[in-house]
Amino acid sequence: MSCELTHSVLHGYMDGELDAARAADFERHLVSCAECVASLEAQETLRSSIHRAGLYERAPTTLRRKLDAELGAAGVVRPARISGAMRAASWRWLAIAAAILLVGALGWSLIPGLRQGSTDTAYASAIVDAHLRSLQPGHLEDVVSTDQHTVKPWFDGKLDFAPPVRDFADEGFPLQGGRLDVVRGRTVAVLVYVRRKHIINVFIWPTKEQTATVKSGSQLGYNWIDWRKDGMELCAVSDVNPADLKDLQRLLQQ
């Protein structure tokens, strides 16, 4: 049976047309709906293919010179000549412009996706969006507990990997709980920490990348730091200062 949300919500989600609450509800729906996940992945694969196809075409120098000459001489050229030459050139420019707009629109929609491997600034924006959605009432935690031995088993059977769960209350980063989240069609684990009443979300998913480069940045006033450990990629996001995020990263890296 076809899932109704595949047709009624998925495209609005991909185009960023849903409000925070509806986007969060749809992402939770993705956790249990293989059809919507498959459709989302297919649509993003299509967009990615078009984006990589290089549809932009640069006008040849001879065409640009011809257009400049004809536009500059428009006041003295016979109407019949303008009609033929300019009509052909105009259609060519319209086709080029349409291709540019198509690639630009698809590329803008594709930027927030999550990829296997490193998280750069563009992809970090998807994590920041998920962080913002989690701050809506009722979206922060699926399991509420300060006990790592309660939070860690909660993920069992819900993911195909085991996220590292640790409590750092003694170091000023108490564990608050965890949840499942979906970032661009991919289910990830999220650990929730608190630092002086500020929420820190740590997103975790498997990676095959081996490099251990630590990356950091900011989006919309929120700081993020991304790193890898033991086949996992971790990205912490919060409105705390970068030094606090770095301290938590060092603790999780131990």
Protein backbone atom coordinates (compact mmCIF):
# COMPACT_ATOMS: atom_id res chain seq x y z
CA MET A 1 0.00 0.00 0.00
CA SER A 2 1.32 3.43 -0.98
CA CYS A 3 2.07 5.81 1.91
CA GLU A 4 -0.01 8.96 1.57
CA LEU A 5 2.78 11.14 2.99
CA THR A 6 5.04 10.18 0.07
CA HIS A 7 2.82 12.28 -2.17
CA SER A 8 1.39 14.89 0.20
CA VAL A 9 4.36 15.85 2.40
CA LEU A 10 7.65 14.56 1.00
CA HIS A 11 8.14 17.20 -1.70
CA GLY A 12 7.23 20.02 0.66
CA TYR A 13 9.81 18.64 3.11
CA MET A 14 12.50 18.47 0.42
CA ASP A 15 11.77 22.04 -0.68
CA GLY A 16 11.88 23.38 2.89
CA GLU A 17 8.22 24.43 2.79
CA LEU A 18 7.17 22.75 6.05
CA ASP A 19 7.21 24.55 9.37
CA ALA A 20 9.48 23.22 12.13
CA ALA A 21 6.77 21.13 13.81
CA ARG A 22 5.55 19.45 10.59
CA ALA A 23 9.12 18.81 9.43
CA ALA A 24 9.94 17.15 12.75
CA ASP A 25 6.78 15.02 12.58
CA PHE A 26 7.64 13.88 9.07
CA GLU A 27 11.21 13.01 10.09
CA ARG A 28 9.86 10.87 12.92
CA HIS A 29 7.55 9.22 10.39
CA LEU A 30 10.62 8.39 8.27
CA VAL A 31 12.00 6.27 11.10
CA SER A 32 9.26 3.67 10.55
CA CYS A 33 8.32 4.19 6.87
CA ALA A 34 10.65 2.46 4.43
CA GLU A 35 8.62 3.70 1.45
CA CYS A 36 9.07 7.38 2.32
CA VAL A 37 12.77 6.85 3.03
CA ALA A 38 13.23 5.12 -0.35
CA SER A 39 11.31 7.88 -2.14
CA LEU A 40 13.34 10.59 -0.41
CA GLU A 41 16.62 8.89 -1.31
CA ALA A 42 15.49 8.45 -4.93
CA GLN A 43 14.53 12.11 -5.23
CA GLU A 44 17.80 13.30 -3.73
CA THR A 45 19.78 10.94 -5.98
CA LEU A 46 17.99 12.44 -8.98
CA ARG A 47 18.69 15.98 -7.79
CA SER A 48 22.32 15.12 -7.14
CA SER A 49 22.70 13.62 -10.64
CA ILE A 50 21.22 16.70 -12.27
CA HIS A 51 23.39 18.93 -10.10
CA ARG A 52 26.54 17.04 -11.19
CA ALA A 53 25.53 16.96 -14.85
CA GLY A 54 26.97 20.38 -15.53
CA LEU A 55 23.94 21.79 -17.32
CA TYR A 56 25.38 25.29 -17.26
CA GLU A 57 26.54 26.31 -20.72
CA ARG A 58 28.74 29.30 -21.23
CA ALA A 59 27.88 31.29 -24.31
CA PRO A 60 30.63 31.29 -26.96
CA THR A 61 32.55 34.52 -27.39
CA THR A 62 31.32 34.84 -30.97
CA LEU A 63 27.69 34.70 -29.84
CA ARG A 64 28.21 37.30 -27.14
CA ARG A 65 29.92 39.63 -29.64
CA LYS A 66 27.12 39.09 -32.13
CA LEU A 67 24.49 39.91 -29.52
CA ASP A 68 26.38 42.99 -28.38
CA ALA A 69 26.68 44.17 -31.98
CA GLU A 70 23.03 43.58 -32.80
CA LEU A 71 21.77 45.13 -29.59
CA GLY A 72 24.01 48.12 -30.10
CA ALA A 73 22.83 48.57 -33.67
CA ALA A 74 19.18 47.87 -32.96
CA GLY A 75 18.16 51.41 -33.89
CA VAL A 76 19.50 51.20 -37.47
CA VAL A 77 19.04 47.54 -38.43
CA ARG A 78 16.04 46.56 -40.52
CA PRO A 79 13.19 45.01 -38.46
CA ALA A 80 13.25 41.78 -40.48
CA ARG A 81 16.90 41.15 -39.66
CA ILE A 82 16.38 41.84 -35.93
CA SER A 83 13.42 39.48 -35.88
CA GLY A 84 15.37 36.51 -37.20
CA ALA A 85 18.74 36.82 -35.53
CA MET A 86 17.54 38.15 -32.21
CA ARG A 87 14.78 35.57 -31.92
CA ALA A 88 17.28 32.70 -32.27
CA ALA A 89 19.73 34.31 -29.85
CA SER A 90 16.97 35.06 -27.34
CA TRP A 91 15.79 31.45 -27.26
CA ARG A 92 19.37 30.27 -26.76
CA TRP A 93 19.86 32.63 -23.83
CA LEU A 94 16.52 31.60 -22.34
CA ALA A 95 17.57 27.95 -22.51
CA ILE A 96 20.87 28.73 -20.81
CA ALA A 97 19.15 30.80 -18.13
CA ALA A 98 16.60 28.03 -17.49
CA ALA A 99 19.39 25.48 -17.03
CA ILE A 100 21.20 27.79 -14.59
CA LEU A 101 18.03 28.36 -12.58
CA LEU A 102 17.25 24.63 -12.51
CA VAL A 103 20.69 23.66 -11.26
CA GLY A 104 20.67 26.50 -8.73
CA ALA A 105 17.27 25.52 -7.35
CA LEU A 106 18.17 21.84 -7.09
CA GLY A 107 21.56 22.61 -5.58
CA TRP A 108 20.00 24.88 -2.92
CA SER A 109 17.52 22.17 -1.97
CA LEU A 110 20.23 19.52 -1.90
CA ILE A 111 22.71 21.43 0.30
CA PRO A 112 21.10 20.49 3.64
CA GLY A 113 21.51 16.76 2.99
CA LEU A 114 23.64 14.51 5.15
CA ARG A 115 26.41 12.56 3.42
CA GLN A 116 28.61 9.66 4.41
CA GLY A 117 31.90 11.15 5.53
CA SER A 118 32.98 14.60 6.57
CA THR A 119 30.51 17.32 7.55
CA ASP A 120 31.39 20.69 6.04
CA THR A 121 29.59 23.96 6.62
CA ALA A 122 26.86 23.22 4.08
CA TYR A 123 26.01 19.85 5.53
CA ALA A 124 26.30 21.14 9.07
CA SER A 125 23.32 23.38 8.29
CA ALA A 126 21.15 20.23 8.18
CA ILE A 127 22.35 19.30 11.66
CA VAL A 128 21.65 22.82 12.94
CA ASP A 129 18.13 22.62 11.47
CA ALA A 130 17.57 19.33 13.30
CA HIS A 131 18.90 20.91 16.49
CA LEU A 132 16.41 23.76 16.15
CA ARG A 133 13.52 21.37 15.57
CA SER A 134 14.48 19.40 18.66
CA LEU A 135 13.98 22.53 20.78
CA GLN A 136 10.26 22.51 19.95
CA PRO A 137 8.14 21.16 22.84
CA GLY A 138 8.12 17.37 22.98
CA HIS A 139 10.86 16.82 20.39
CA LEU A 140 14.05 16.85 22.45
CA GLU A 141 14.20 13.35 23.94
CA ASP A 142 12.67 9.96 23.24
CA VAL A 143 14.27 8.53 26.36
CA VAL A 144 14.76 10.83 29.35
CA SER A 145 17.45 9.69 31.76
CA THR A 146 20.73 10.82 33.26
CA ASP A 147 21.88 7.19 33.50
CA GLN A 148 24.01 6.09 30.56
CA HIS A 149 23.10 2.47 31.36
CA THR A 150 19.46 3.36 30.66
CA VAL A 151 20.02 5.47 27.56
CA LYS A 152 22.45 3.12 25.79
CA PRO A 153 20.19 0.01 25.88
CA TRP A 154 17.28 2.13 24.64
CA PHE A 155 18.95 2.40 21.23
CA ASP A 156 19.26 -1.40 20.92
CA GLY A 157 17.17 -2.72 18.05
CA LYS A 158 16.33 0.77 16.81
CA LEU A 159 19.58 1.32 14.91
CA ASP A 160 22.04 -0.84 12.99
CA PHE A 161 24.89 0.59 15.06
CA ALA A 162 25.57 1.19 18.76
CA PRO A 163 26.23 4.86 19.60
CA PRO A 164 28.73 5.58 22.39
CA VAL A 165 26.75 6.81 25.42
CA ARG A 166 28.55 8.38 28.39
CA ASP A 167 27.60 10.75 31.17
CA PHE A 168 29.92 13.64 32.05
CA ALA A 169 28.06 15.18 34.98
CA ASP A 170 31.27 15.42 37.01
CA GLU A 171 32.87 17.42 34.20
CA GLY A 172 29.91 19.80 33.83
CA PHE A 173 28.12 18.06 30.95
CA PRO A 174 25.33 15.95 32.46
CA LEU A 175 23.55 13.52 30.15
CA GLN A 176 19.82 14.24 29.79
CA GLY A 177 18.67 11.49 27.44
CA GLY A 178 18.62 10.53 23.79
CA ARG A 179 16.44 10.20 20.73
CA LEU A 180 16.33 9.07 17.15
CA ASP A 181 16.40 11.75 14.49
CA VAL A 182 16.30 11.76 10.71
CA VAL A 183 18.56 14.05 8.76
CA ARG A 184 17.83 14.04 5.04
CA GLY A 185 16.46 10.52 5.02
CA ARG A 186 19.10 9.00 7.27
CA THR A 187 18.33 7.82 10.79
CA VAL A 188 20.89 9.02 13.34
CA ALA A 189 21.31 8.73 17.09
CA VAL A 190 21.29 11.87 19.20
CA LEU A 191 22.60 12.25 22.74
CA VAL A 192 21.33 15.23 24.71
CA TYR A 193 23.65 17.00 27.15
CA VAL A 194 23.25 20.18 29.19
CA ARG A 195 25.85 22.85 29.88
CA ARG A 196 24.73 25.58 32.28
CA LYS A 197 21.08 25.17 31.18
CA HIS A 198 22.04 25.19 27.49
CA ILE A 199 21.08 22.17 25.39
CA ILE A 200 23.79 20.36 23.44
CA ASN A 201 22.75 17.81 20.81
CA VAL A 202 25.38 15.28 19.73
CA PHE A 203 24.40 13.62 16.43
CA ILE A 204 26.02 10.23 15.74
CA TRP A 205 26.08 7.99 12.66
CA PRO A 206 28.48 5.40 11.17
CA THR A 207 31.17 6.41 8.70
CA LYS A 208 33.76 4.58 6.63
CA GLU A 209 36.05 7.61 6.53
CA GLN A 210 39.25 7.13 8.51
CA THR A 211 40.59 10.68 8.76
CA ALA A 212 40.34 12.22 12.22
CA THR A 213 40.15 15.90 11.27
CA VAL A 214 38.13 18.01 13.71
CA LYS A 215 35.97 20.61 11.96
CA SER A 216 33.95 23.40 13.51
CA GLY A 217 31.88 26.38 12.54
CA SER A 218 28.63 28.21 13.15
CA GLN A 219 25.22 28.44 11.52
CA LEU A 220 22.42 30.84 12.45
CA GLY A 221 24.17 31.73 15.69
CA TYR A 222 24.67 28.09 16.73
CA ASN A 223 28.12 26.56 17.03
CA TRP A 224 28.98 23.06 15.83
CA ILE A 225 31.99 20.77 15.98
CA ASP A 226 32.42 17.56 13.98
CA TRP A 227 34.87 14.68 14.45
CA ARG A 228 35.26 10.92 14.05
CA LYS A 229 36.03 8.10 16.42
CA ASP A 230 35.96 4.30 16.08
CA GLY A 231 33.94 4.24 12.86
CA MET A 232 31.47 6.87 14.04
CA GLU A 233 30.98 10.47 12.99
CA LEU A 234 29.86 12.83 15.75
CA CYS A 235 28.63 16.39 15.44
CA ALA A 236 27.78 18.47 18.51
CA VAL A 237 25.57 21.55 18.14
CA SER A 238 24.55 24.18 20.68
CA ASP A 239 24.40 27.88 21.45
CA VAL A 240 27.16 27.46 24.05
CA ASN A 241 30.51 28.99 23.22
CA PRO A 242 32.95 27.03 21.00
CA ALA A 243 35.27 26.33 23.94
CA ASP A 244 32.51 24.40 25.74
CA LEU A 245 31.80 22.33 22.64
CA LYS A 246 35.50 21.61 22.32
CA ASP A 247 35.60 20.43 25.95
CA LEU A 248 32.71 18.03 25.33
CA GLN A 249 34.38 16.81 22.13
CA ARG A 250 37.55 16.00 24.07
CA LEU A 251 35.55 14.07 26.66
CA LEU A 252 33.74 12.02 24.02
CA GLN A 253 36.98 11.45 22.16
CA GLN A 254 38.65 9.81 25.17
